[in-house]
C-alpha atoms as a PDB file:
ATOM      1  CA  MET A   1     -90.566 -26.146  71.688  1.00  0.00           C
ATOM      2  CA  LEU A   2     -89.043 -23.523  74.632  1.00  0.00           C
ATOM      3  CA  GLY A   3     -86.953 -25.426  77.371  1.00  0.00           C
ATOM      4  CA  THR A   4     -87.328 -28.576  75.697  1.00  0.00           C
ATOM      5  CA  MET A   5     -84.369 -27.762  73.416  1.00  0.00           C
ATOM      6  CA  PRO A   6     -80.989 -25.680  73.147  1.00  0.00           C
ATOM      7  CA  ASP A   7     -82.537 -22.040  72.099  1.00  0.00           C
ATOM      8  CA  ASP A   8     -80.323 -21.540  69.060  1.00  0.00           C
ATOM      9  CA  GLU A   9     -82.013 -25.097  67.103  1.00  0.00           C
ATOM     10  CA  VAL A  10     -85.294 -23.592  68.217  1.00  0.00           C
ATOM     11  CA  ALA A  11     -84.794 -20.896  66.392  1.00  0.00           C
ATOM     12  CA  ARG A  12     -83.283 -22.658  63.463  1.00  0.00           C
ATOM     13  CA  GLN A  13     -86.460 -24.529  63.330  1.00  0.00           C
ATOM     14  CA  ILE A  14     -88.786 -21.531  63.602  1.00  0.00           C
ATOM     15  CA  GLY A  15     -86.549 -19.272  61.736  1.00  0.00           C
ATOM     16  CA  ARG A  16     -86.377 -17.010  64.629  1.00  0.00           C
ATOM     17  CA  SER A  17     -82.823 -15.384  65.753  1.00  0.00           C
ATOM     18  CA  SER A  18     -81.620 -16.981  68.710  1.00  0.00           C
ATOM     19  CA  GLY A  19     -82.121 -13.419  71.051  1.00  0.00           C
ATOM     20  CA  ALA A  20     -85.483 -13.512  70.156  1.00  0.00           C
ATOM     21  CA  VAL A  21     -85.912 -17.010  71.176  1.00  0.00           C
ATOM     22  CA  ILE A  22     -83.914 -16.613  73.981  1.00  0.00           C
ATOM     23  CA  GLN A  23     -86.242 -13.327  74.720  1.00  0.00           C
ATOM     24  CA  ARG A  24     -89.145 -14.838  74.947  1.00  0.00           C
ATOM     25  CA  ARG A  25     -88.099 -18.277  76.627  1.00  0.00           C
ATOM     26  CA  GLU A  26     -86.842 -16.045  80.014  1.00  0.00           C
ATOM     27  CA  THR A  27     -89.628 -13.966  79.616  1.00  0.00           C
ATOM     28  CA  LEU A  28     -92.022 -16.963  80.441  1.00  0.00           C
ATOM     29  CA  HIS A  29     -89.681 -18.321  83.000  1.00  0.00           C
ATOM     30  CA  ILE A  30     -88.520 -20.758  81.259  1.00  0.00           C
ATOM     31  CA  PRO A  31     -85.782 -22.834  81.994  1.00  0.00           C
ATOM     32  CA  LYS A  32     -83.337 -22.993  79.438  1.00  0.00           C
ATOM     33  CA  ALA A  33     -83.160 -26.845  78.205  1.00  0.00           C
ATOM     34  CA  ASN A  34     -80.547 -29.163  79.700  1.00  0.00           C
ATOM     35  CA  PRO A  35     -79.442 -31.246  76.980  1.00  0.00           C
ATOM     36  CA  ILE A  36     -78.022 -33.595  79.672  1.00  0.00           C
ATOM     37  CA  LEU A  37     -81.311 -34.220  80.293  1.00  0.00           C
ATOM     38  CA  ARG A  38     -83.108 -34.839  77.612  1.00  0.00           C
ATOM     39  CA  ASP A  39     -85.148 -38.154  76.284  1.00  0.00           C
ATOM     40  CA  TRP A  40     -83.971 -41.245  74.862  1.00  0.00           C
ATOM     41  CA  THR A  41     -84.950 -41.847  71.764  1.00  0.00           C
ATOM     42  CA  PRO A  42     -85.236 -45.640  70.524  1.00  0.00           C
ATOM     43  CA  GLU A  43     -81.912 -45.206  68.191  1.00  0.00           C
ATOM     44  CA  GLU A  44     -80.185 -44.515  71.180  1.00  0.00           C
ATOM     45  CA  GLU A  45     -81.814 -47.230  73.243  1.00  0.00           C
ATOM     46  CA  LYS A  46     -80.725 -49.924  70.437  1.00  0.00           C
ATOM     47  CA  LEU A  47     -76.842 -48.848  71.011  1.00  0.00           C
ATOM     48  CA  LEU A  48     -77.045 -50.065  75.130  1.00  0.00           C
ATOM     49  CA  GLY A  49     -75.308 -53.524  75.311  1.00  0.00           C
ATOM     50  CA  THR A  50     -74.052 -53.438  72.113  1.00  0.00           C
ATOM     51  CA  GLY A  51     -70.486 -51.988  73.538  1.00  0.00           C
ATOM     52  CA  ALA A  52     -68.998 -50.860  76.754  1.00  0.00           C
ATOM     53  CA  ASP A  53     -70.999 -48.168  78.258  1.00  0.00           C
ATOM     54  CA  ALA A  54     -68.173 -45.918  78.632  1.00  0.00           C
ATOM     55  CA  GLU A  55     -68.017 -46.285  75.394  1.00  0.00           C
ATOM     56  CA  ILE A  56     -71.823 -45.602  74.356  1.00  0.00           C
ATOM     57  CA  ALA A  57     -71.819 -42.449  76.365  1.00  0.00           C
ATOM     58  CA  ARG A  58     -69.110 -41.299  74.810  1.00  0.00           C
ATOM     59  CA  ARG A  59     -70.938 -42.126  71.453  1.00  0.00           C
ATOM     60  CA  LEU A  60     -74.104 -40.407  72.389  1.00  0.00           C
ATOM     61  CA  LYS A  61     -72.656 -37.934  74.470  1.00  0.00           C
ATOM     62  CA  ARG A  62     -73.995 -38.950  77.767  1.00  0.00           C
ATOM     63  CA  THR A  63     -72.343 -39.442  80.901  1.00  0.00           C
ATOM     64  CA  LEU A  64     -71.635 -42.798  82.084  1.00  0.00           C
ATOM     65  CA  ARG A  65     -74.085 -43.345  84.790  1.00  0.00           C
ATOM     66  CA  ALA A  66     -76.968 -42.270  82.249  1.00  0.00           C
ATOM     67  CA  THR A  67     -75.950 -44.676  80.072  1.00  0.00           C
ATOM     68  CA  ALA A  68     -75.334 -47.681  82.567  1.00  0.00           C
ATOM     69  CA  HIS A  69     -78.630 -46.632  84.657  1.00  0.00           C
ATOM     70  CA  ARG A  70     -80.930 -46.592  81.302  1.00  0.00           C
ATOM     71  CA  ARG A  71     -79.008 -50.037  80.350  1.00  0.00           C
ATOM     72  CA  VAL A  72     -79.812 -51.484  83.561  1.00  0.00           C
ATOM     73  CA  ARG A  73     -83.555 -49.297  83.913  1.00  0.00           C
ATOM     74  CA  LEU A  74     -84.168 -51.331  79.968  1.00  0.00           C
ATOM     75  CA  LYS A  75     -82.687 -54.832  81.721  1.00  0.00           C
ATOM     76  CA  ILE A  76     -80.022 -55.113  78.987  1.00  0.00           C
ATOM     77  CA  PRO A  77     -77.381 -57.030  80.274  1.00  0.00           C
ATOM     78  CA  ALA A  78     -73.729 -55.215  80.191  1.00  0.00           C
ATOM     79  CA  TRP A  79     -71.745 -55.741  77.302  1.00  0.00           C
ATOM     80  CA  ARG A  80     -68.729 -58.730  77.655  1.00  0.00           C
ATOM     81  CA  PRO A  81     -66.462 -58.912  74.823  1.00  0.00           C
ATOM     82  CA  CYS A  82     -65.621 -62.369  73.333  1.00  0.00           C
END
């Protein structure tokens, strides 16, 4: 779990303090998790193309570039208002 999610989330899940988790992660030389580079969930992917990329990016707390890139990669057409 170390390095795959925020330290405080790991601490909450395993019942340890954030400080203990940070110390262990640093001792093992595991870089801090970057929430921007997290994996896409199926629920997040279902939202792609259902609205403007900027709006979906804001709702998912992702960058516009990452959102548009993922939509294109999955071959989901851009949203067009009716």
